Amino acid sequence: MQQKDYIERMVEQVAAAIGRVLGFSQEARFEEADRELDAAWSSALGFRRRDALRLDSASLRAMLGAKSELAARLLEAQADLEDARGAGAIAEALRRRSSELR
């Protein structure tokens, strides 16, 4: 029961962070969106975002286990942020990475 509550809280935390990232993206507040993504990676997944992005998808998935779905969602939010910045190629690479984690 406690494990389920913990996972539900993590999912809610990531969902809230993604909502804030998307809001910041729409307002072109890119630095704040980046900070929000960094905080979500650290608090919900226990990884610094830049360290996670350095790992190949298989290694990251193995290290995260059940949390890899949350990482995939954060990568999608980051892809949306990159789209808002006009970095379509980076966004596409992040979306591919997201699907590799699922």
PDB file of N, CA and C in Angstrom:
ATOM      1  N   MET A   1       0.816  -1.196   0.000  1.00  0.00           N
ATOM      2  CA  MET A   1       0.000   0.000   0.000  1.00  0.00           C
ATOM      3  C   MET A   1       0.863   1.265   0.000  1.00  0.00           C
ATOM      4  N   GLN A   2       1.901   1.288   0.833  1.00  0.00           N
ATOM      5  CA  GLN A   2       2.774   2.449   0.874  1.00  0.00           C
ATOM      6  C   GLN A   2       3.499   2.637  -0.452  1.00  0.00           C
ATOM      7  N   GLN A   3       3.906   1.538  -1.079  1.00  0.00           N
ATOM      8  CA  GLN A   3       4.590   1.611  -2.372  1.00  0.00           C
ATOM      9  C   GLN A   3       3.679   2.249  -3.414  1.00  0.00           C
ATOM     10  N   LYS A   4       2.410   1.849  -3.424  1.00  0.00           N
ATOM     11  CA  LYS A   4       1.451   2.397  -4.381  1.00  0.00           C
ATOM     12  C   LYS A   4       1.271   3.894  -4.145  1.00  0.00           C
ATOM     13  N   ASP A   5       1.152   4.302  -2.890  1.00  0.00           N
ATOM     14  CA  ASP A   5       1.012   5.718  -2.565  1.00  0.00           C
ATOM     15  C   ASP A   5       2.236   6.500  -3.022  1.00  0.00           C
ATOM     16  N   TYR A   6       3.410   5.930  -2.818  1.00  0.00           N
ATOM     17  CA  TYR A   6       4.657   6.575  -3.229  1.00  0.00           C
ATOM     18  C   TYR A   6       4.680   6.770  -4.744  1.00  0.00           C
ATOM     19  N   ILE A   7       4.320   5.734  -5.483  1.00  0.00           N
ATOM     20  CA  ILE A   7       4.322   5.813  -6.949  1.00  0.00           C
ATOM     21  C   ILE A   7       3.288   6.826  -7.428  1.00  0.00           C
ATOM     22  N   GLU A   8       2.121   6.812  -6.822  1.00  0.00           N
ATOM     23  CA  GLU A   8       1.091   7.782  -7.202  1.00  0.00           C
ATOM     24  C   GLU A   8       1.554   9.209  -6.949  1.00  0.00           C
ATOM     25  N   ARG A   9       2.242   9.437  -5.838  1.00  0.00           N
ATOM     26  CA  ARG A   9       2.766  10.777  -5.552  1.00  0.00           C
ATOM     27  C   ARG A   9       3.811  11.185  -6.581  1.00  0.00           C
ATOM     28  N   MET A  10       4.670  10.239  -6.980  1.00  0.00           N
ATOM     29  CA  MET A  10       5.674  10.544  -8.006  1.00  0.00           C
ATOM     30  C   MET A  10       5.014  10.910  -9.329  1.00  0.00           C
ATOM     31  N   VAL A  11       4.002  10.139  -9.712  1.00  0.00           N
ATOM     32  CA  VAL A  11       3.291  10.416 -10.967  1.00  0.00           C
ATOM     33  C   VAL A  11       2.647  11.796 -10.902  1.00  0.00           C
ATOM     34  N   GLU A  12       2.012  12.102  -9.798  1.00  0.00           N
ATOM     35  CA  GLU A  12       1.386  13.415  -9.636  1.00  0.00           C
ATOM     36  C   GLU A  12       2.425  14.528  -9.674  1.00  0.00           C
ATOM     37  N   GLN A  13       3.561  14.302  -9.035  1.00  0.00           N
ATOM     38  CA  GLN A  13       4.634  15.291  -9.014  1.00  0.00           C
ATOM     39  C   GLN A  13       5.150  15.549 -10.427  1.00  0.00           C
ATOM     40  N   VAL A  14       5.377  14.492 -11.183  1.00  0.00           N
ATOM     41  CA  VAL A  14       5.878  14.645 -12.557  1.00  0.00           C
ATOM     42  C   VAL A  14       4.823  15.324 -13.426  1.00  0.00           C
ATOM     43  N   ALA A  15       3.573  14.933 -13.274  1.00  0.00           N
ATOM     44  CA  ALA A  15       2.499  15.546 -14.064  1.00  0.00           C
ATOM     45  C   ALA A  15       2.403  17.046 -13.786  1.00  0.00           C
ATOM     46  N   ALA A  16       2.511  17.429 -12.532  1.00  0.00           N
ATOM     47  CA  ALA A  16       2.470  18.847 -12.176  1.00  0.00           C
ATOM     48  C   ALA A  16       3.666  19.587 -12.766  1.00  0.00           C
ATOM     49  N   ALA A  17       4.833  18.980 -12.694  1.00  0.00           N
ATOM     50  CA  ALA A  17       6.036  19.602 -13.255  1.00  0.00           C
ATOM     51  C   ALA A  17       5.892  19.778 -14.765  1.00  0.00           C
ATOM     52  N   ILE A  18       5.364  18.764 -15.431  1.00  0.00           N
ATOM     53  CA  ILE A  18       5.167  18.863 -16.878  1.00  0.00           C
ATOM     54  C   ILE A  18       4.202  19.995 -17.211  1.00  0.00           C
ATOM     55  N   GLY A  19       3.155  20.122 -16.439  1.00  0.00           N
ATOM     56  CA  GLY A  19       2.216  21.227 -16.645  1.00  0.00           C
ATOM     57  C   GLY A  19       2.901  22.580 -16.524  1.00  0.00           C
ATOM     58  N   ARG A  20       3.771  22.716 -15.525  1.00  0.00           N
ATOM     59  CA  ARG A  20       4.491  23.973 -15.360  1.00  0.00           C
ATOM     60  C   ARG A  20       5.469  24.200 -16.517  1.00  0.00           C
ATOM     61  N   VAL A  21       6.159  23.138 -16.944  1.00  0.00           N
ATOM     62  CA  VAL A  21       7.095  23.260 -18.067  1.00  0.00           C
ATOM     63  C   VAL A  21       6.362  23.734 -19.317  1.00  0.00           C
ATOM     64  N   LEU A  22       5.219  23.124 -19.596  1.00  0.00           N
ATOM     65  CA  LEU A  22       4.459  23.499 -20.788  1.00  0.00           C
ATOM     66  C   LEU A  22       3.957  24.936 -20.692  1.00  0.00           C
ATOM     67  N   GLY A  23       3.542  25.336 -19.504  1.00  0.00           N
ATOM     68  CA  GLY A  23       3.125  26.724 -19.316  1.00  0.00           C
ATOM     69  C   GLY A  23       4.264  27.694 -19.548  1.00  0.00           C
ATOM     70  N   PHE A  24       5.418  27.394 -18.977  1.00  0.00           N
ATOM     71  CA  PHE A  24       6.582  28.254 -19.188  1.00  0.00           C
ATOM     72  C   PHE A  24       6.966  28.295 -20.665  1.00  0.00           C
ATOM     73  N   SER A  25       6.871  27.162 -21.335  1.00  0.00           N
ATOM     74  CA  SER A  25       7.211  27.098 -22.761  1.00  0.00           C
ATOM     75  C   SER A  25       6.311  28.007 -23.576  1.00  0.00           C
ATOM     76  N   GLN A  26       5.025  27.953 -23.293  1.00  0.00           N
ATOM     77  CA  GLN A  26       4.072  28.775 -24.032  1.00  0.00           C
ATOM     78  C   GLN A  26       4.328  30.260 -23.814  1.00  0.00           C
ATOM     79  N   GLU A  27       4.857  30.593 -22.659  1.00  0.00           N
ATOM     80  CA  GLU A  27       5.139  31.991 -22.325  1.00  0.00           C
ATOM     81  C   GLU A  27       6.567  32.388 -22.696  1.00  0.00           C
ATOM     82  N   ALA A  28       7.292  31.489 -23.356  1.00  0.00           N
ATOM     83  CA  ALA A  28       8.696  31.715 -23.748  1.00  0.00           C
ATOM     84  C   ALA A  28       9.577  31.984 -22.532  1.00  0.00           C
ATOM     85  N   ARG A  29       9.254  31.364 -21.410  1.00  0.00           N
ATOM     86  CA  ARG A  29      10.065  31.462 -20.187  1.00  0.00           C
ATOM     87  C   ARG A  29      10.924  30.198 -20.119  1.00  0.00           C
ATOM     88  N   PHE A  30      11.879  30.125 -21.025  1.00  0.00           N
ATOM     89  CA  PHE A  30      12.634  28.897 -21.249  1.00  0.00           C
ATOM     90  C   PHE A  30      13.563  28.532 -20.098  1.00  0.00           C
ATOM     91  N   GLU A  31      14.180  29.498 -19.477  1.00  0.00           N
ATOM     92  CA  GLU A  31      15.071  29.200 -18.349  1.00  0.00           C
ATOM     93  C   GLU A  31      14.288  28.596 -17.185  1.00  0.00           C
ATOM     94  N   GLU A  32      13.111  29.127 -16.943  1.00  0.00           N
ATOM     95  CA  GLU A  32      12.281  28.585 -15.864  1.00  0.00           C
ATOM     96  C   GLU A  32      11.819  27.167 -16.198  1.00  0.00           C
ATOM     97  N   ALA A  33      11.499  26.937 -17.457  1.00  0.00           N
ATOM     98  CA  ALA A  33      11.108  25.589 -17.880  1.00  0.00           C
ATOM     99  C   ALA A  33      12.266  24.612 -17.686  1.00  0.00           C
ATOM    100  N   ASP A  34      13.476  25.041 -18.035  1.00  0.00           N
ATOM    101  CA  ASP A  34      14.652  24.187 -17.831  1.00  0.00           C
ATOM    102  C   ASP A  34      14.870  23.882 -16.361  1.00  0.00           C
ATOM    103  N   ARG A  35      14.730  24.882 -15.516  1.00  0.00           N
ATOM    104  CA  ARG A  35      14.892  24.656 -14.072  1.00  0.00           C
ATOM    105  C   ARG A  35      13.844  23.673 -13.550  1.00  0.00           C
ATOM    106  N   GLU A  36      12.627  23.798 -14.049  1.00  0.00           N
ATOM    107  CA  GLU A  36      11.553  22.895 -13.624  1.00  0.00           C
ATOM    108  C   GLU A  36      11.854  21.462 -14.052  1.00  0.00           C
ATOM    109  N   LEU A  37      12.346  21.287 -15.265  1.00  0.00           N
ATOM    110  CA  LEU A  37      12.718  19.947 -15.727  1.00  0.00           C
ATOM    111  C   LEU A  37      13.847  19.373 -14.873  1.00  0.00           C
ATOM    112  N   ASP A  38      14.850  20.193 -14.600  1.00  0.00           N
ATOM    113  CA  ASP A  38      15.959  19.724 -13.760  1.00  0.00           C
ATOM    114  C   ASP A  38      15.452  19.272 -12.391  1.00  0.00           C
ATOM    115  N   ALA A  39      14.580  20.070 -11.802  1.00  0.00           N
ATOM    116  CA  ALA A  39      14.047  19.737 -10.477  1.00  0.00           C
ATOM    117  C   ALA A  39      13.227  18.449 -10.523  1.00  0.00           C
ATOM    118  N   ALA A  40      12.436  18.280 -11.575  1.00  0.00           N
ATOM    119  CA  ALA A  40      11.612  17.070 -11.686  1.00  0.00           C
ATOM    120  C   ALA A  40      12.479  15.829 -11.829  1.00  0.00           C
ATOM    121  N   TRP A  41      13.500  15.895 -12.659  1.00  0.00           N
ATOM    122  CA  TRP A  41      14.406  14.748 -12.809  1.00  0.00           C
ATOM    123  C   TRP A  41      15.039  14.391 -11.468  1.00  0.00           C
ATOM    124  N   SER A  42      15.520  15.404 -10.764  1.00  0.00           N
ATOM    125  CA  SER A  42      16.204  15.149  -9.493  1.00  0.00           C
ATOM    126  C   SER A  42      15.268  14.615  -8.421  1.00  0.00           C
ATOM    127  N   SER A  43      14.139  15.276  -8.248  1.00  0.00           N
ATOM    128  CA  SER A  43      13.272  14.893  -7.135  1.00  0.00           C
ATOM    129  C   SER A  43      12.492  13.613  -7.402  1.00  0.00           C
ATOM    130  N   ALA A  44      11.990  13.441  -8.604  1.00  0.00           N
ATOM    131  CA  ALA A  44      11.153  12.269  -8.879  1.00  0.00           C
ATOM    132  C   ALA A  44      11.964  11.050  -9.305  1.00  0.00           C
ATOM    133  N   LEU A  45      13.072  11.274  -9.988  1.00  0.00           N
ATOM    134  CA  LEU A  45      13.808  10.142 -10.544  1.00  0.00           C
ATOM    135  C   LEU A  45      15.184   9.927  -9.925  1.00  0.00           C
ATOM    136  N   GLY A  46      15.653  10.894  -9.165  1.00  0.00           N
ATOM    137  CA  GLY A  46      16.942  10.739  -8.511  1.00  0.00           C
ATOM    138  C   GLY A  46      18.133  10.857  -9.449  1.00  0.00           C
ATOM    139  N   PHE A  47      17.935  11.512 -10.560  1.00  0.00           N
ATOM    140  CA  PHE A  47      18.997  11.722 -11.546  1.00  0.00           C
ATOM    141  C   PHE A  47      19.065  13.195 -11.904  1.00  0.00           C
ATOM    142  N   ARG A  48      20.271  13.670 -12.152  1.00  0.00           N
ATOM    143  CA  ARG A  48      20.359  14.978 -12.773  1.00  0.00           C
ATOM    144  C   ARG A  48      20.031  14.771 -14.248  1.00  0.00           C
ATOM    145  N   ARG A  49      19.262  15.683 -14.796  1.00  0.00           N
ATOM    146  CA  ARG A  49      18.814  15.537 -16.182  1.00  0.00           C
ATOM    147  C   ARG A  49      19.993  15.395 -17.130  1.00  0.00           C
ATOM    148  N   ARG A  50      21.001  16.207 -16.957  1.00  0.00           N
ATOM    149  CA  ARG A  50      22.137  16.143 -17.886  1.00  0.00           C
ATOM    150  C   ARG A  50      22.867  14.805 -17.798  1.00  0.00           C
ATOM    151  N   ASP A  51      22.909  14.205 -16.612  1.00  0.00           N
ATOM    152  CA  ASP A  51      23.527  12.885 -16.480  1.00  0.00           C
ATOM    153  C   ASP A  51      22.677  11.816 -17.160  1.00  0.00           C
ATOM    154  N   ALA A  52      21.371  11.916 -16.991  1.00  0.00           N
ATOM    155  CA  ALA A  52      20.477  10.941 -17.619  1.00  0.00           C
ATOM    156  C   ALA A  52      20.582  11.002 -19.139  1.00  0.00           C
ATOM    157  N   LEU A  53      20.718  12.191 -19.679  1.00  0.00           N
ATOM    158  CA  LEU A  53      20.797  12.344 -21.132  1.00  0.00           C
ATOM    159  C   LEU A  53      22.115  11.818 -21.705  1.00  0.00           C
ATOM    160  N   ARG A  54      23.103  11.676 -20.867  1.00  0.00           N
ATOM    161  CA  ARG A  54      24.394  11.135 -21.326  1.00  0.00           C
ATOM    162  C   ARG A  54      24.371   9.614 -21.467  1.00  0.00           C
ATOM    163  N   LEU A  55      23.442   8.981 -20.779  1.00  0.00           N
ATOM    164  CA  LEU A  55      23.343   7.515 -20.827  1.00  0.00           C
ATOM    165  C   LEU A  55      22.578   7.078 -22.071  1.00  0.00           C
ATOM    166  N   ASP A  56      22.914   5.900 -22.584  1.00  0.00           N
ATOM    167  CA  ASP A  56      22.099   5.361 -23.669  1.00  0.00           C
ATOM    168  C   ASP A  56      20.762   4.919 -23.082  1.00  0.00           C
ATOM    169  N   SER A  57      19.777   4.788 -23.945  1.00  0.00           N
ATOM    170  CA  SER A  57      18.409   4.505 -23.488  1.00  0.00           C
ATOM    171  C   SER A  57      18.296   3.191 -22.731  1.00  0.00           C
ATOM    172  N   ALA A  58      18.985   2.157 -23.202  1.00  0.00           N
ATOM    173  CA  ALA A  58      18.903   0.853 -22.531  1.00  0.00           C
ATOM    174  C   ALA A  58      19.468   0.934 -21.113  1.00  0.00           C
ATOM    175  N   SER A  59      20.581   1.611 -20.947  1.00  0.00           N
ATOM    176  CA  SER A  59      21.180   1.752 -19.612  1.00  0.00           C
ATOM    177  C   SER A  59      20.283   2.569 -18.697  1.00  0.00           C
ATOM    178  N   LEU A  60      19.745   3.660 -19.222  1.00  0.00           N
ATOM    179  CA  LEU A  60      18.872   4.498 -18.413  1.00  0.00           C
ATOM    180  C   LEU A  60      17.621   3.725 -18.001  1.00  0.00           C
ATOM    181  N   ARG A  61      17.026   2.997 -18.925  1.00  0.00           N
ATOM    182  CA  ARG A  61      15.839   2.199 -18.625  1.00  0.00           C
ATOM    183  C   ARG A  61      16.145   1.156 -17.545  1.00  0.00           C
ATOM    184  N   ALA A  62      17.316   0.516 -17.648  1.00  0.00           N
ATOM    185  CA  ALA A  62      17.708  -0.488 -16.654  1.00  0.00           C
ATOM    186  C   ALA A  62      17.899   0.143 -15.273  1.00  0.00           C
ATOM    187  N   MET A  63      18.465   1.327 -15.237  1.00  0.00           N
ATOM    188  CA  MET A  63      18.704   2.000 -13.961  1.00  0.00           C
ATOM    189  C   MET A  63      17.406   2.526 -13.338  1.00  0.00           C
ATOM    190  N   LEU A  64      16.483   2.973 -14.170  1.00  0.00           N
ATOM    191  CA  LEU A  64      15.244   3.557 -13.659  1.00  0.00           C
ATOM    192  C   LEU A  64      14.171   2.520 -13.352  1.00  0.00           C
ATOM    193  N   GLY A  65      14.210   1.396 -14.043  1.00  0.00           N
ATOM    194  CA  GLY A  65      13.193   0.378 -13.828  1.00  0.00           C
ATOM    195  C   GLY A  65      11.811   0.921 -14.132  1.00  0.00           C
ATOM    196  N   ALA A  66      10.902   0.791 -13.173  1.00  0.00           N
ATOM    197  CA  ALA A  66       9.516   1.225 -13.362  1.00  0.00           C
ATOM    198  C   ALA A  66       9.393   2.736 -13.551  1.00  0.00           C
ATOM    199  N   LYS A  67      10.387   3.479 -13.147  1.00  0.00           N
ATOM    200  CA  LYS A  67      10.347   4.931 -13.301  1.00  0.00           C
ATOM    201  C   LYS A  67      10.652   5.385 -14.726  1.00  0.00           C
ATOM    202  N   SER A  68      11.002   4.446 -15.608  1.00  0.00           N
ATOM    203  CA  SER A  68      11.370   4.851 -16.969  1.00  0.00           C
ATOM    204  C   SER A  68      10.207   5.511 -17.704  1.00  0.00           C
ATOM    205  N   GLU A  69       8.978   5.145 -17.378  1.00  0.00           N
ATOM    206  CA  GLU A  69       7.814   5.806 -17.998  1.00  0.00           C
ATOM    207  C   GLU A  69       7.767   7.280 -17.613  1.00  0.00           C
ATOM    208  N   LEU A  70       8.094   7.587 -16.364  1.00  0.00           N
ATOM    209  CA  LEU A  70       8.125   8.988 -15.931  1.00  0.00           C
ATOM    210  C   LEU A  70       9.218   9.750 -16.670  1.00  0.00           C
ATOM    211  N   ALA A  71      10.355   9.105 -16.856  1.00  0.00           N
ATOM    212  CA  ALA A  71      11.440   9.738 -17.610  1.00  0.00           C
ATOM    213  C   ALA A  71      11.000   9.996 -19.050  1.00  0.00           C
ATOM    214  N   ALA A  72      10.284   9.055 -19.641  1.00  0.00           N
ATOM    215  CA  ALA A  72       9.794   9.232 -21.010  1.00  0.00           C
ATOM    216  C   ALA A  72       8.875  10.445 -21.091  1.00  0.00           C
ATOM    217  N   ARG A  73       8.042  10.619 -20.105  1.00  0.00           N
ATOM    218  CA  ARG A  73       7.130  11.774 -20.096  1.00  0.00           C
ATOM    219  C   ARG A  73       7.894  13.089 -19.939  1.00  0.00           C
ATOM    220  N   LEU A  74       8.925  13.073 -19.110  1.00  0.00           N
ATOM    221  CA  LEU A  74       9.737  14.277 -18.954  1.00  0.00           C
ATOM    222  C   LEU A  74      10.486  14.599 -20.247  1.00  0.00           C
ATOM    223  N   LEU A  75      10.944  13.570 -20.945  1.00  0.00           N
ATOM    224  CA  LEU A  75      11.608  13.806 -22.233  1.00  0.00           C
ATOM    225  C   LEU A  75      10.639  14.398 -23.253  1.00  0.00           C
ATOM    226  N   GLU A  76       9.397  13.951 -23.228  1.00  0.00           N
ATOM    227  CA  GLU A  76       8.399  14.531 -24.134  1.00  0.00           C
ATOM    228  C   GLU A  76       8.153  16.000 -23.812  1.00  0.00           C
ATOM    229  N   ALA A  77       8.115  16.332 -22.528  1.00  0.00           N
ATOM    230  CA  ALA A  77       7.942  17.731 -22.135  1.00  0.00           C
ATOM    231  C   ALA A  77       9.142  18.558 -22.588  1.00  0.00           C
ATOM    232  N   GLN A  78      10.322  17.978 -22.463  1.00  0.00           N
ATOM    233  CA  GLN A  78      11.514  18.679 -22.927  1.00  0.00           C
ATOM    234  C   GLN A  78      11.467  18.856 -24.444  1.00  0.00           C
ATOM    235  N   ALA A  79      10.953  17.863 -25.158  1.00  0.00           N
ATOM    236  CA  ALA A  79      10.813  17.975 -26.610  1.00  0.00           C
ATOM    237  C   ALA A  79       9.870  19.127 -26.962  1.00  0.00           C
ATOM    238  N   ASP A  80       8.778  19.259 -26.226  1.00  0.00           N
ATOM    239  CA  ASP A  80       7.859  20.372 -26.461  1.00  0.00           C
ATOM    240  C   ASP A  80       8.544  21.711 -26.200  1.00  0.00           C
ATOM    241  N   LEU A  81       9.374  21.745 -25.172  1.00  0.00           N
ATOM    242  CA  LEU A  81      10.137  22.951 -24.868  1.00  0.00           C
ATOM    243  C   LEU A  81      11.081  23.288 -26.022  1.00  0.00           C
ATOM    244  N   GLU A  82      11.761  22.283 -26.548  1.00  0.00           N
ATOM    245  CA  GLU A  82      12.681  22.525 -27.663  1.00  0.00           C
ATOM    246  C   GLU A  82      11.929  22.978 -28.911  1.00  0.00           C
ATOM    247  N   ASP A  83      10.745  22.434 -29.136  1.00  0.00           N
ATOM    248  CA  ASP A  83       9.910  22.911 -30.244  1.00  0.00           C
ATOM    249  C   ASP A  83       9.599  24.393 -30.075  1.00  0.00           C
ATOM    250  N   ALA A  84       9.245  24.790 -28.848  1.00  0.00           N
ATOM    251  CA  ALA A  84       8.924  26.193 -28.581  1.00  0.00           C
ATOM    252  C   ALA A  84      10.132  27.092 -28.805  1.00  0.00           C
ATOM    253  N   ARG A  85      11.311  26.560 -28.576  1.00  0.00           N
ATOM    254  CA  ARG A  85      12.545  27.310 -28.822  1.00  0.00           C
ATOM    255  C   ARG A  85      12.907  27.360 -30.304  1.00  0.00           C
ATOM    256  N   GLY A  86      12.246  26.517 -31.093  1.00  0.00           N
ATOM    257  CA  GLY A  86      12.563  26.455 -32.511  1.00  0.00           C
ATOM    258  C   GLY A  86      13.636  25.438 -32.842  1.00  0.00           C
ATOM    259  N   ALA A  87      13.879  24.505 -31.932  1.00  0.00           N
ATOM    260  CA  ALA A  87      14.910  23.482 -32.119  1.00  0.00           C
ATOM    261  C   ALA A  87      14.240  22.148 -32.448  1.00  0.00           C
ATOM    262  N   GLY A  88      13.665  22.077 -33.641  1.00  0.00           N
ATOM    263  CA  GLY A  88      12.902  20.899 -34.043  1.00  0.00           C
ATOM    264  C   GLY A  88      13.709  19.617 -34.092  1.00  0.00           C
ATOM    265  N   ALA A  89      14.965  19.689 -34.530  1.00  0.00           N
ATOM    266  CA  ALA A  89      15.796  18.478 -34.616  1.00  0.00           C
ATOM    267  C   ALA A  89      16.071  17.910 -33.226  1.00  0.00           C
ATOM    268  N   ILE A  90      16.332  18.770 -32.269  1.00  0.00           N
ATOM    269  CA  ILE A  90      16.556  18.315 -30.896  1.00  0.00           C
ATOM    270  C   ILE A  90      15.270  17.719 -30.342  1.00  0.00           C
ATOM    271  N   ALA A  91      14.148  18.362 -30.618  1.00  0.00           N
ATOM    272  CA  ALA A  91      12.857  17.864 -30.149  1.00  0.00           C
ATOM    273  C   ALA A  91      12.583  16.470 -30.697  1.00  0.00           C
ATOM    274  N   GLU A  92      12.863  16.259 -31.965  1.00  0.00           N
ATOM    275  CA  GLU A  92      12.623  14.947 -32.573  1.00  0.00           C
ATOM    276  C   GLU A  92      13.512  13.879 -31.932  1.00  0.00           C
ATOM    277  N   ALA A  93      14.759  14.210 -31.664  1.00  0.00           N
ATOM    278  CA  ALA A  93      15.669  13.259 -31.014  1.00  0.00           C
ATOM    279  C   ALA A  93      15.171  12.911 -29.612  1.00  0.00           C
ATOM    280  N   LEU A  94      14.651  13.890 -28.896  1.00  0.00           N
ATOM    281  CA  LEU A  94      14.114  13.641 -27.558  1.00  0.00           C
ATOM    282  C   LEU A  94      12.872  12.753 -27.616  1.00  0.00           C
ATOM    283  N   ARG A  95      12.047  12.943 -28.625  1.00  0.00           N
ATOM    284  CA  ARG A  95      10.858  12.094 -28.766  1.00  0.00           C
ATOM    285  C   ARG A  95      11.244  10.652 -29.096  1.00  0.00           C
ATOM    286  N   ARG A  96      12.264  10.480 -29.917  1.00  0.00           N
ATOM    287  CA  ARG A  96      12.751   9.115 -30.189  1.00  0.00           C
ATOM    288  C   ARG A  96      13.257   8.480 -28.907  1.00  0.00           C
ATOM    289  N   ARG A  97      13.998   9.251 -28.150  1.00  0.00           N
ATOM    290  CA  ARG A  97      14.538   8.746 -26.885  1.00  0.00           C
ATOM    291  C   ARG A  97      13.425   8.373 -25.922  1.00  0.00           C
ATOM    292  N   SER A  98      12.396   9.193 -25.888  1.00  0.00           N
ATOM    293  CA  SER A  98      11.251   8.923 -25.035  1.00  0.00           C
ATOM    294  C   SER A  98      10.615   7.581 -25.399  1.00  0.00           C
ATOM    295  N   SER A  99      10.428   7.348 -26.684  1.00  0.00           N
ATOM    296  CA  SER A  99       9.807   6.075 -27.093  1.00  0.00           C
ATOM    297  C   SER A  99      10.713   4.896 -26.794  1.00  0.00           C
ATOM    298  N   GLU A 100      12.027   5.083 -26.794  1.00  0.00           N
ATOM    299  CA  GLU A 100      12.958   4.008 -26.460  1.00  0.00           C
ATOM    300  C   GLU A 100      12.865   3.610 -24.986  1.00  0.00           C
ATOM    301  N   LEU A 101      12.448   4.525 -24.159  1.00  0.00           N
ATOM    302  CA  LEU A 101      12.345   4.240 -22.721  1.00  0.00           C
ATOM    303  C   LEU A 101      11.060   3.509 -22.357  1.00  0.00           C
ATOM    304  N   ARG A 102      10.134   3.459 -23.277  1.00  0.00           N
ATOM    305  CA  ARG A 102       8.841   2.812 -22.984  1.00  0.00           C
ATOM    306  C   ARG A 102       8.867   1.360 -23.281  1.00  0.00           C
TER     307      ARG A 102
END
